[in-house]
Protein backbone atom coordinates (compact mmCIF):
# COMPACT_ATOMS: atom_id res chain seq x y z
CA ALA A 1 0.00 0.00 0.00
CA HIS A 2 2.88 2.37 0.83
CA ARG A 3 4.56 1.80 -2.54
CA VAL A 4 1.34 2.45 -4.44
CA MET A 5 0.62 5.63 -2.46
CA VAL A 6 4.17 6.96 -2.84
CA LYS A 7 4.19 6.24 -6.58
CA ASN A 8 1.06 8.35 -7.06
CA LEU A 9 2.20 11.35 -5.00
CA PRO A 10 4.59 14.20 -5.89
CA ASN A 11 8.03 13.74 -4.29
CA VAL A 12 7.43 16.33 -1.55
CA GLU A 13 4.16 14.76 -0.43
CA ALA A 14 5.52 11.23 -0.83
CA LEU A 15 8.46 12.04 1.46
CA GLU A 16 6.17 13.55 4.10
CA TYR A 17 3.89 10.53 3.85
CA SER A 18 6.84 8.15 4.33
CA LEU A 19 8.13 10.13 7.32
CA ASP A 20 4.62 10.14 8.82
CA ILE A 21 4.47 6.35 8.65
CA LEU A 22 7.94 6.01 10.15
CA ASP A 23 6.96 8.40 12.94
CA SER A 24 3.78 6.42 13.66
CA MET A 25 5.93 3.30 14.08
CA GLY A 26 8.32 4.94 16.54
CA CYS A 27 11.08 5.81 14.06
CA SER A 28 10.90 9.59 14.01
CA PHE A 29 13.05 12.29 12.42
CA PRO A 30 13.12 16.08 12.96
CA ARG A 31 10.81 17.71 10.43
CA GLU A 32 11.47 21.43 10.80
CA LYS A 33 14.35 22.87 8.82
CA LEU A 34 16.68 24.14 11.58
CA PRO A 35 16.46 21.11 13.92
CA GLN A 36 16.73 18.84 10.89
CA SER A 37 19.93 20.55 9.71
CA LEU A 38 21.50 20.54 13.19
CA HIS A 39 20.73 16.88 13.79
CA ALA A 40 21.98 15.98 10.31
CA SER A 41 25.32 17.73 10.90
CA ILE A 42 25.82 15.98 14.24
CA SER A 43 24.78 12.57 12.87
CA LEU A 44 27.05 12.81 9.84
CA ARG A 45 30.12 13.89 11.81
CA ARG A 46 29.56 11.05 14.25
CA ALA A 47 28.94 8.41 11.57
CA GLY A 48 31.87 9.63 9.47
CA ALA A 49 34.37 9.74 12.34
CA THR A 50 37.23 7.25 12.08
CA LYS A 51 36.39 5.56 15.39
CA HIS A 52 32.82 4.87 14.25
CA ILE A 53 33.69 3.33 10.89
CA PRO A 54 33.52 -0.45 11.31
CA LYS A 55 36.18 -2.83 10.08
CA PHE A 56 34.96 -4.96 7.22
CA GLU A 57 35.87 -8.08 9.17
CA SER A 58 33.25 -7.17 11.78
CA MET A 59 30.72 -6.30 9.06
CA SER A 60 31.13 -9.69 7.40
CA ASP A 61 30.25 -11.38 10.69
CA LEU A 62 26.98 -9.49 11.10
CA PRO A 63 23.85 -11.65 10.78
CA ALA A 64 20.99 -10.84 8.45
CA MET A 65 18.30 -8.56 9.85
CA ASP A 66 15.45 -10.95 10.57
CA ASP A 67 13.05 -8.93 12.76
CA PRO A 68 9.99 -8.35 10.49
CA GLU A 69 9.20 -4.95 12.01
CA LYS A 70 12.79 -3.73 11.71
CA ARG A 71 12.91 -4.96 8.11
CA HIS A 72 9.70 -3.08 7.32
CA LEU A 73 11.10 0.10 8.85
CA MET A 74 14.32 -0.31 6.85
CA GLU A 75 12.28 -0.61 3.66
CA LEU A 76 10.41 2.58 4.57
CA MET A 77 13.69 4.39 5.26
CA ASN A 78 15.08 3.06 1.99
CA SER A 79 12.14 4.68 0.23
CA ALA A 80 12.49 7.90 2.25
CA PHE A 81 16.18 8.42 1.45
CA ALA A 82 15.49 8.08 -2.29
CA LEU A 83 12.65 10.60 -2.04
CA ALA A 84 14.83 12.99 -0.01
CA TYR A 85 17.59 12.72 -2.63
CA ALA A 86 15.13 13.34 -5.47
CA GLN A 87 13.77 16.37 -3.61
CA GLU A 88 17.33 17.62 -2.87
CA ASN A 89 16.53 17.64 0.84
CA THR A 90 20.11 17.09 2.01
CA ALA A 91 19.42 17.24 5.75
CA CYS A 92 16.67 14.63 5.59
CA PHE A 93 18.78 12.47 3.27
CA VAL A 94 21.69 12.53 5.72
CA LEU A 95 19.49 11.79 8.74
CA VAL A 96 17.82 8.78 7.15
CA ILE A 97 21.09 7.37 5.81
CA CYS A 98 22.85 7.69 9.18
CA ARG A 99 19.92 5.95 10.89
CA MET A 100 20.02 3.13 8.34
CA VAL A 101 23.75 2.60 8.88
CA ARG A 102 23.30 2.55 12.68
CA TRP A 103 20.53 -0.01 12.37
CA ASN A 104 22.69 -2.20 10.15
CA LEU A 105 25.38 -2.25 12.81
CA LYS A 106 22.88 -2.85 15.61
CA PHE A 107 20.26 -5.16 14.09
CA GLY A 108 22.01 -6.86 11.16
CA LEU A 109 22.34 -6.58 7.41
CA HIS A 110 19.49 -5.73 5.06
CA GLU A 111 19.40 -5.70 1.26
CA SER A 112 19.61 -1.90 1.47
CA SER A 113 22.85 -2.05 3.49
CA PRO A 114 25.21 -1.50 0.51
CA SER A 115 23.34 1.59 -0.67
CA ALA A 116 23.19 3.01 2.87
CA PHE A 117 26.98 2.78 3.21
CA ALA A 118 27.49 4.09 -0.33
CA CYS A 119 25.33 7.13 0.43
CA LEU A 120 27.13 7.74 3.72
CA ALA A 121 30.46 7.52 1.88
CA SER A 122 29.26 10.14 -0.61
CA CYS A 123 28.17 12.47 2.20
CA VAL A 124 31.45 12.06 4.08
CA VAL A 125 33.43 12.95 0.94
CA HIS A 126 31.29 15.80 -0.37
CA LEU A 127 29.94 17.35 2.84
CA LEU A 128 32.86 16.74 5.21
CA GLY A 129 35.67 16.67 2.64
CA ASP A 130 37.05 13.49 4.22
CA PHE A 131 38.33 11.36 1.35
CA GLN A 132 40.05 8.74 3.51
CA ASN A 133 37.01 7.80 5.57
CA GLY A 134 34.71 8.22 2.59
CA LYS A 135 36.75 5.72 0.62
CA ALA A 136 36.76 3.30 3.59
CA LEU A 137 32.96 3.46 3.73
CA ALA A 138 32.78 3.02 -0.05
CA ASN A 139 34.87 -0.15 0.22
CA ILE A 140 32.45 -1.49 2.84
CA ALA A 141 29.50 -0.72 0.55
CA LEU A 142 31.09 -2.54 -2.38
CA ALA A 143 32.08 -5.53 -0.24
CA LEU A 144 28.54 -5.79 1.15
CA LEU A 145 27.09 -5.62 -2.34
CA ASN A 146 29.30 -8.54 -3.35
CA LYS A 147 28.43 -10.44 -0.15
CA LEU A 148 24.63 -10.17 -0.20
CA GLU A 149 22.63 -12.45 -2.49
CA ASN A 150 19.78 -9.93 -2.82
CA LYS A 151 20.97 -7.29 -5.32
CA SER A 152 17.90 -5.04 -5.18
CA GLY A 153 20.06 -2.19 -3.85
CA SER A 154 22.68 -2.57 -6.57
CA SER A 155 21.55 0.34 -8.77
CA SER A 156 21.61 2.98 -6.03
CA THR A 157 24.87 1.58 -4.62
CA LEU A 158 26.67 1.70 -7.96
CA PHE A 159 25.20 5.12 -8.73
CA PHE A 160 26.51 6.75 -5.55
CA LEU A 161 29.86 4.94 -5.50
CA ASN A 162 30.72 5.70 -9.11
CA SER A 163 29.16 9.15 -9.47
CA PHE A 164 30.50 10.62 -6.24
CA ILE A 165 33.42 8.48 -5.00
CA SER A 166 35.17 6.68 -7.87
CA SER A 167 35.09 9.86 -9.94
CA TRP A 168 37.87 11.15 -7.66
CA PHE A 169 40.05 8.05 -7.93
CA ALA A 170 39.31 6.22 -11.20
CA PRO A 171 39.39 7.30 -14.86
CA SER A 172 36.03 8.00 -16.47
CA VAL A 173 36.30 5.20 -19.00
CA SER A 174 36.55 2.58 -16.23
CA ARG A 175 33.12 3.55 -14.88
CA ILE A 176 31.07 3.31 -18.08
CA ASP A 177 30.37 -0.43 -17.86
CA VAL A 178 29.61 -0.13 -14.14
CA PHE A 179 26.94 2.50 -14.84
CA ALA A 180 25.46 0.23 -17.53
CA GLU A 181 25.34 -2.59 -14.98
CA GLY A 182 23.66 -0.31 -12.44
CA TYR A 183 21.01 0.69 -14.96
CA LYS A 184 20.22 -2.93 -15.84
CA SER A 185 20.04 -3.91 -12.18
CA GLY A 186 17.67 -1.07 -11.33
CA ALA A 187 15.44 -1.86 -14.30
CA SER A 188 15.27 -5.56 -13.42
CA HIS A 189 14.53 -4.93 -9.72
CA GLY A 190 11.95 -2.20 -10.29
CA ASP A 191 14.19 0.57 -8.96
CA THR A 192 13.37 2.85 -11.88
CA TYR A 193 14.44 6.06 -10.12
CA PHE A 194 18.06 5.05 -9.55
CA ALA A 195 18.14 3.20 -12.87
CA SER A 196 17.30 6.58 -14.43
CA CYS A 197 19.94 8.40 -12.37
CA THR A 198 22.52 5.81 -13.35
CA ALA A 199 21.55 6.20 -17.02
CA VAL A 200 22.30 9.93 -16.77
CA SER A 201 25.72 9.17 -15.28
CA TYR A 202 26.33 6.57 -17.99
CA ILE A 203 25.53 9.00 -20.82
CA SER A 204 27.50 11.92 -19.34
CA THR A 205 30.54 9.74 -18.60
CA LYS A 206 30.43 8.20 -22.06
CA LEU A 207 30.22 11.67 -23.61
CA LEU A 208 33.19 12.97 -21.61
CA SER A 209 35.20 9.85 -22.47
CA GLY A 210 35.00 10.61 -26.18
CA ARG A 211 33.03 7.54 -27.26
CA ASP A 212 31.70 7.52 -30.83
CA LEU A 213 28.70 9.78 -31.34
CA GLU A 214 26.58 7.26 -33.23
CA SER A 215 26.69 4.82 -30.32
CA LEU A 216 25.99 7.67 -27.90
CA GLU A 217 22.98 8.84 -29.91
CA ASN A 218 21.53 5.33 -29.92
CA ASP A 219 21.97 5.13 -26.15
CA CYS A 220 20.30 8.51 -25.63
CA ARG A 221 17.32 7.51 -27.76
CA LYS A 222 16.93 4.21 -25.91
CA TYR A 223 17.27 5.65 -22.41
CA VAL A 224 15.03 8.69 -22.96
CA THR A 225 12.21 6.48 -24.24
CA ARG A 226 12.46 4.13 -21.27
CA ILE A 227 12.87 6.85 -18.63
CA GLU A 228 9.95 8.88 -19.96
CA ALA A 229 7.83 5.72 -19.76
CA TRP A 230 8.91 5.40 -16.12
CA ASN A 231 7.82 9.02 -15.54
CA HIS A 232 11.14 10.46 -14.40
CA PRO A 233 11.09 13.73 -16.39
CA LYS A 234 14.12 15.33 -14.74
CA GLN A 235 16.46 12.50 -15.71
CA ALA A 236 14.92 12.20 -19.20
CA GLY A 237 15.32 15.96 -19.68
CA THR A 238 18.96 15.83 -18.61
CA ILE A 239 19.70 13.12 -21.16
CA ARG A 240 17.94 15.17 -23.84
CA VAL A 241 20.24 18.11 -23.04
CA LEU A 242 23.30 15.84 -23.24
CA TRP A 243 21.96 14.40 -26.49
CA GLN A 244 21.75 17.86 -28.04
CA SER A 245 25.29 18.69 -26.98
């Protein structure tokens, strides 16, 4: 019921609806702008501190999250962080991601675990300017993605890792196939939003890498058609702009 409701609401209303449900189940977040920003800053600095970044050895020993209520709340938070990102609500995005990471460490691993750590890594790099700890978190995200059998979080994980982390350390050409993989994973798992975001990164990276224009035009045509059918106009519009360039 939540997925159907969220799909039929604008992003702003869908995010508020998701936060309302979380709040009703005892998982609340600050809603007003100033408290939200203050709590987000504190949460991010704590989660991104060296002493709070787990060793992968300890992560690999964590059991799967098996409490049905906790799993349901994680799924709601997974939806909320995507909506916050789409709405460019950075404070809410940070708060939800930090809560998801804490719950992974406390209650066990969930299929959204890789994307939670990938998002935290991106925030640590781009909001705190801490490349060392950001890269450590990114390595955890990638290792968890390889470890977990359920790959439903693959598209968002690969999008954040390769758009915001690997771009600092790896040449553009090395990320093209990874973006293509992220798009296919998102499409196959029904994660059309991050499949669309990954398609934008794929096209822009391919363009900057100097790939042949005929191949690029075919990709643009294919992705725009699919993304418009998924009703993600911002991503489709971005690809149209890249196509015209």
